[in-house]
């Protein structure tokens, strides 16, 4: 059975990353996408889950040290192998969920206007 501790570890960073990348995504949708990411990460095979948990602790520490906006911007563009994969994993899972669940979502995360 997968550990749900990794789920709670990735949620703060996933939420901050989505808030930065999809600023118009409403909080309810963002929360749902973060939950999806957390569950998927918790379901990863053990070695990969361990690596993600280690990175989650490091990234959570970074979030707590300073400006969230600056940290998300810097951390999501790091060219460091392995470390740069964490934001990409979170982003790809979240984006896949958002556009699969709500295909009319605009690139900024907002809802598309329906023509009357």
Protein backbone atom coordinates (compact mmCIF):
# COMPACT_ATOMS: atom_id res chain seq x y z
CA UNK A 1 0.00 0.00 0.00
CA UNK A 2 1.43 3.40 -0.96
CA UNK A 3 2.50 5.84 1.69
CA UNK A 4 0.34 8.92 1.92
CA UNK A 5 3.08 10.87 3.73
CA UNK A 6 4.63 11.73 0.37
CA UNK A 7 1.24 13.08 -0.69
CA UNK A 8 1.25 15.66 2.07
CA UNK A 9 4.88 16.51 1.28
CA UNK A 10 4.27 17.44 -2.37
CA UNK A 11 1.05 19.41 -1.79
CA UNK A 12 2.57 22.77 -0.66
CA UNK A 13 5.00 22.94 -3.57
CA UNK A 14 2.39 21.71 -6.06
CA UNK A 15 -0.04 24.37 -4.87
CA UNK A 16 2.56 27.14 -5.11
CA UNK A 17 3.75 25.95 -8.53
CA UNK A 18 0.21 25.85 -9.92
CA UNK A 19 -0.58 29.26 -8.45
CA UNK A 20 2.43 30.65 -10.34
CA UNK A 21 1.98 28.74 -13.61
CA UNK A 22 -1.82 28.95 -13.81
CA UNK A 23 -2.67 32.19 -11.98
CA UNK A 24 -6.29 32.30 -13.16
CA UNK A 25 -7.07 28.74 -12.03
CA UNK A 26 -9.66 29.08 -9.31
CA UNK A 27 -8.73 27.77 -5.85
CA UNK A 28 -11.18 24.85 -5.95
CA UNK A 29 -9.79 23.56 -9.23
CA UNK A 30 -6.22 24.11 -8.06
CA UNK A 31 -6.94 22.19 -4.87
CA UNK A 32 -8.39 19.32 -6.89
CA UNK A 33 -5.34 19.25 -9.19
CA UNK A 34 -2.98 19.32 -6.19
CA UNK A 35 -4.84 16.39 -4.64
CA UNK A 36 -4.50 14.47 -7.92
CA UNK A 37 -0.75 15.14 -8.00
CA UNK A 38 -0.38 14.09 -4.36
CA UNK A 39 -2.21 10.80 -4.91
CA UNK A 40 -0.24 10.01 -8.07
CA UNK A 41 3.06 10.71 -6.34
CA UNK A 42 2.05 8.50 -3.41
CA UNK A 43 1.34 5.70 -5.89
CA UNK A 44 4.82 5.78 -7.42
CA UNK A 45 7.02 2.67 -7.04
CA UNK A 46 9.05 2.61 -3.81
CA UNK A 47 12.47 3.76 -5.14
CA UNK A 48 10.94 6.61 -7.11
CA UNK A 49 8.65 7.51 -4.23
CA UNK A 50 11.64 7.74 -1.90
CA UNK A 51 13.47 10.04 -4.30
CA UNK A 52 10.40 12.27 -4.66
CA UNK A 53 9.95 12.40 -0.88
CA UNK A 54 13.57 13.48 -0.42
CA UNK A 55 13.16 16.21 -3.04
CA UNK A 56 9.83 17.25 -1.51
CA UNK A 57 11.50 17.85 1.85
CA UNK A 58 14.21 19.94 0.20
CA UNK A 59 11.72 21.96 -1.84
CA UNK A 60 9.42 22.46 1.17
CA UNK A 61 12.37 23.80 3.13
CA UNK A 62 13.07 26.23 0.31
CA UNK A 63 9.43 27.36 0.32
CA UNK A 64 9.63 28.15 4.01
CA UNK A 65 12.82 30.21 3.77
CA UNK A 66 11.78 33.17 1.68
CA UNK A 67 9.54 34.57 -0.99
CA UNK A 68 7.34 31.81 -2.43
CA UNK A 69 7.05 33.53 -5.81
CA UNK A 70 10.81 33.96 -6.20
CA UNK A 71 11.53 30.45 -4.96
CA UNK A 72 9.03 28.86 -7.36
CA UNK A 73 10.45 30.86 -10.25
CA UNK A 74 14.04 29.89 -9.47
CA UNK A 75 13.39 26.28 -8.49
CA UNK A 76 11.28 25.50 -11.54
CA UNK A 77 14.01 26.67 -13.91
CA UNK A 78 17.03 25.00 -12.26
CA UNK A 79 19.25 23.17 -14.76
CA UNK A 80 20.50 20.74 -12.09
CA UNK A 81 19.94 17.12 -13.14
CA UNK A 82 17.51 15.15 -10.98
CA UNK A 83 16.53 18.25 -8.97
CA UNK A 84 15.02 19.92 -12.04
CA UNK A 85 12.83 16.87 -12.59
CA UNK A 86 10.78 17.48 -9.45
CA UNK A 87 9.01 20.65 -10.65
CA UNK A 88 8.60 19.07 -14.08
CA UNK A 89 6.95 16.00 -12.54
CA UNK A 90 4.58 18.12 -10.46
CA UNK A 91 3.77 20.43 -13.37
CA UNK A 92 3.18 17.65 -15.90
CA UNK A 93 0.85 15.72 -13.59
CA UNK A 94 -1.10 18.86 -12.69
CA UNK A 95 -1.35 20.17 -16.26
CA UNK A 96 -2.46 16.77 -17.55
CA UNK A 97 -5.18 16.68 -14.90
CA UNK A 98 -6.36 20.24 -15.52
CA UNK A 99 -6.67 19.92 -19.29
CA UNK A 100 -8.07 16.40 -19.18
CA UNK A 101 -10.72 17.30 -16.60
CA UNK A 102 -11.49 20.81 -17.92
CA UNK A 103 -10.52 20.90 -21.63
CA UNK A 104 -11.85 24.45 -22.04
CA UNK A 105 -9.24 25.85 -19.63
CA UNK A 106 -7.28 28.81 -20.99
CA UNK A 107 -3.45 28.80 -20.91
CA UNK A 108 -3.49 30.97 -17.76
CA UNK A 109 -5.78 28.50 -15.99
CA UNK A 110 -8.94 30.56 -16.34
CA UNK A 111 -12.22 29.26 -17.61
CA UNK A 112 -12.93 29.85 -21.29
CA UNK A 113 -15.79 32.21 -21.99
CA UNK A 114 -18.80 30.42 -23.43
CA UNK A 115 -20.39 32.20 -26.37
CA UNK A 116 -24.17 32.67 -25.87
